[in-house]
Amino acid sequence: MKHIAAYLLAVLGGNMHPAKGDIEKILSSVGVDAEEEMLDKLMSELQGKSLEEVIEAGRSKMSSVPMGGAVAASGAAVAASTEEKPEEEAKVEEEEEEESDDDMGFGLFD
């Protein structure tokens, strides 16, 4: 991530196609050593590409990834409906939660 962040900083600074040395200079300015292998891989992947087209390619890939918001909510509802507890058990659990707060040994205004 640090290599990508340095690359983005270079582009935001006006250098549309930063070189390996530019990235190393940015990282060293904040006391971070560049990892040669990771930097070489990043530079080879981004060679000849504009930042805009790389972001757009990533955006199109992310649009196909399911985020699971609706699925997770419906799964939680199904789990809750299958695990119905008797009222007595629910009351005992609520009391235990309240007692655990009392065990801290101090009050809010002490």
Protein backbone atom coordinates (compact mmCIF):
# COMPACT_ATOMS: atom_id res chain seq x y z
CA MET A 1 0.00 0.00 0.00
CA LYS A 2 2.78 2.43 0.75
CA HIS A 3 4.09 2.12 -2.79
CA ILE A 4 0.65 2.75 -4.28
CA ALA A 5 0.13 5.72 -1.96
CA ALA A 6 3.48 7.21 -3.01
CA TYR A 7 2.59 6.67 -6.68
CA LEU A 8 -0.75 8.44 -6.17
CA LEU A 9 0.96 11.31 -4.38
CA ALA A 10 3.36 11.73 -7.29
CA VAL A 11 0.47 11.82 -9.76
CA LEU A 12 -1.48 14.26 -7.61
CA GLY A 13 1.65 16.41 -7.49
CA GLY A 14 1.64 16.72 -11.29
CA ASN A 15 3.94 13.86 -12.35
CA MET A 16 1.53 11.85 -14.53
CA HIS A 17 4.00 8.97 -15.05
CA PRO A 18 6.30 8.74 -12.01
CA ALA A 19 9.48 6.73 -12.28
CA LYS A 20 10.78 4.25 -9.75
CA GLY A 21 13.16 6.89 -8.36
CA ASP A 22 10.27 9.30 -7.80
CA ILE A 23 8.45 6.74 -5.67
CA GLU A 24 11.61 5.94 -3.69
CA LYS A 25 12.17 9.66 -3.09
CA ILE A 26 8.64 10.16 -1.76
CA LEU A 27 8.91 7.15 0.54
CA SER A 28 12.34 8.13 1.86
CA SER A 29 11.10 11.66 2.60
CA VAL A 30 8.86 10.19 5.30
CA GLY A 31 11.44 7.71 6.58
CA VAL A 32 10.11 4.60 4.81
CA ASP A 33 12.26 2.21 2.83
CA ALA A 34 10.94 1.06 -0.52
CA GLU A 35 10.72 -2.69 -1.02
CA GLU A 36 12.41 -3.30 -4.37
CA GLU A 37 10.33 -6.34 -5.32
CA MET A 38 7.00 -4.66 -4.59
CA LEU A 39 8.06 -1.43 -6.28
CA ASP A 40 9.23 -3.30 -9.39
CA LYS A 41 5.91 -5.15 -9.58
CA LEU A 42 3.92 -1.91 -9.19
CA MET A 43 5.94 -0.14 -11.85
CA SER A 44 5.60 -3.01 -14.31
CA GLU A 45 1.82 -3.19 -13.75
CA LEU A 46 1.35 0.56 -14.24
CA GLN A 47 3.80 1.03 -17.12
CA GLY A 48 2.12 2.83 -20.03
CA LYS A 49 -1.20 3.26 -18.22
CA SER A 50 -2.81 6.44 -17.00
CA LEU A 51 -4.09 6.59 -13.46
CA GLU A 52 -7.62 7.29 -14.71
CA GLU A 53 -7.78 4.07 -16.75
CA VAL A 54 -6.38 2.03 -13.85
CA ILE A 55 -9.03 3.45 -11.50
CA GLU A 56 -11.79 2.84 -14.06
CA ALA A 57 -10.66 -0.77 -14.56
CA GLY A 58 -10.72 -1.28 -10.79
CA ARG A 59 -14.13 0.34 -10.51
CA SER A 60 -15.60 -1.99 -13.14
CA LYS A 61 -14.15 -5.00 -11.31
CA MET A 62 -15.57 -3.83 -7.98
CA SER A 63 -19.05 -3.43 -9.45
CA SER A 64 -19.24 -7.21 -9.92
CA VAL A 65 -18.31 -7.96 -6.31
CA PRO A 66 -21.35 -8.70 -4.12
CA MET A 67 -21.36 -6.47 -1.07
CA GLY A 68 -23.73 -8.65 0.93
CA GLY A 69 -25.69 -5.98 2.78
CA ALA A 70 -29.12 -7.34 1.95
CA VAL A 71 -27.96 -10.93 2.11
CA ALA A 72 -26.41 -10.48 5.54
CA ALA A 73 -29.51 -8.76 6.89
CA SER A 74 -31.82 -11.49 5.65
CA GLY A 75 -29.46 -14.14 7.00
CA ALA A 76 -29.52 -12.50 10.42
CA ALA A 77 -33.32 -12.41 10.36
CA VAL A 78 -33.47 -16.11 9.51
CA ALA A 79 -31.00 -16.94 12.28
CA ALA A 80 -32.98 -14.90 14.78
CA SER A 81 -36.25 -16.56 13.86
CA THR A 82 -34.80 -20.06 14.16
CA GLU A 83 -33.24 -19.35 17.56
CA GLU A 84 -36.31 -18.25 19.50
CA LYS A 85 -35.57 -18.26 23.24
CA PRO A 86 -38.05 -18.61 26.02
CA GLU A 87 -38.75 -15.34 27.79
CA GLU A 88 -37.19 -16.58 31.04
CA GLU A 89 -33.81 -17.19 29.40
CA ALA A 90 -33.88 -13.75 27.82
CA LYS A 91 -34.59 -12.11 31.21
CA VAL A 92 -31.73 -14.02 32.86
CA GLU A 93 -29.32 -12.88 30.15
CA GLU A 94 -30.42 -9.24 30.55
CA GLU A 95 -29.86 -9.43 34.31
CA GLU A 96 -26.39 -10.89 33.80
CA GLU A 97 -25.48 -8.05 31.46
CA GLU A 98 -26.62 -5.49 34.01
CA GLU A 99 -24.65 -7.19 36.78
CA SER A 100 -21.48 -7.20 34.71
CA ASP A 101 -21.59 -3.37 34.65
CA ASP A 102 -21.81 -3.30 38.47
CA ASP A 103 -18.66 -5.41 38.84
CA MET A 104 -16.41 -2.63 37.56
CA GLY A 105 -15.91 -1.26 41.05
CA PHE A 106 -16.67 2.41 40.40
CA GLY A 107 -19.59 4.56 39.46
CA LEU A 108 -19.97 7.19 36.82
CA PHE A 109 -19.69 10.10 39.28
CA ASP A 110 -17.25 8.66 41.84
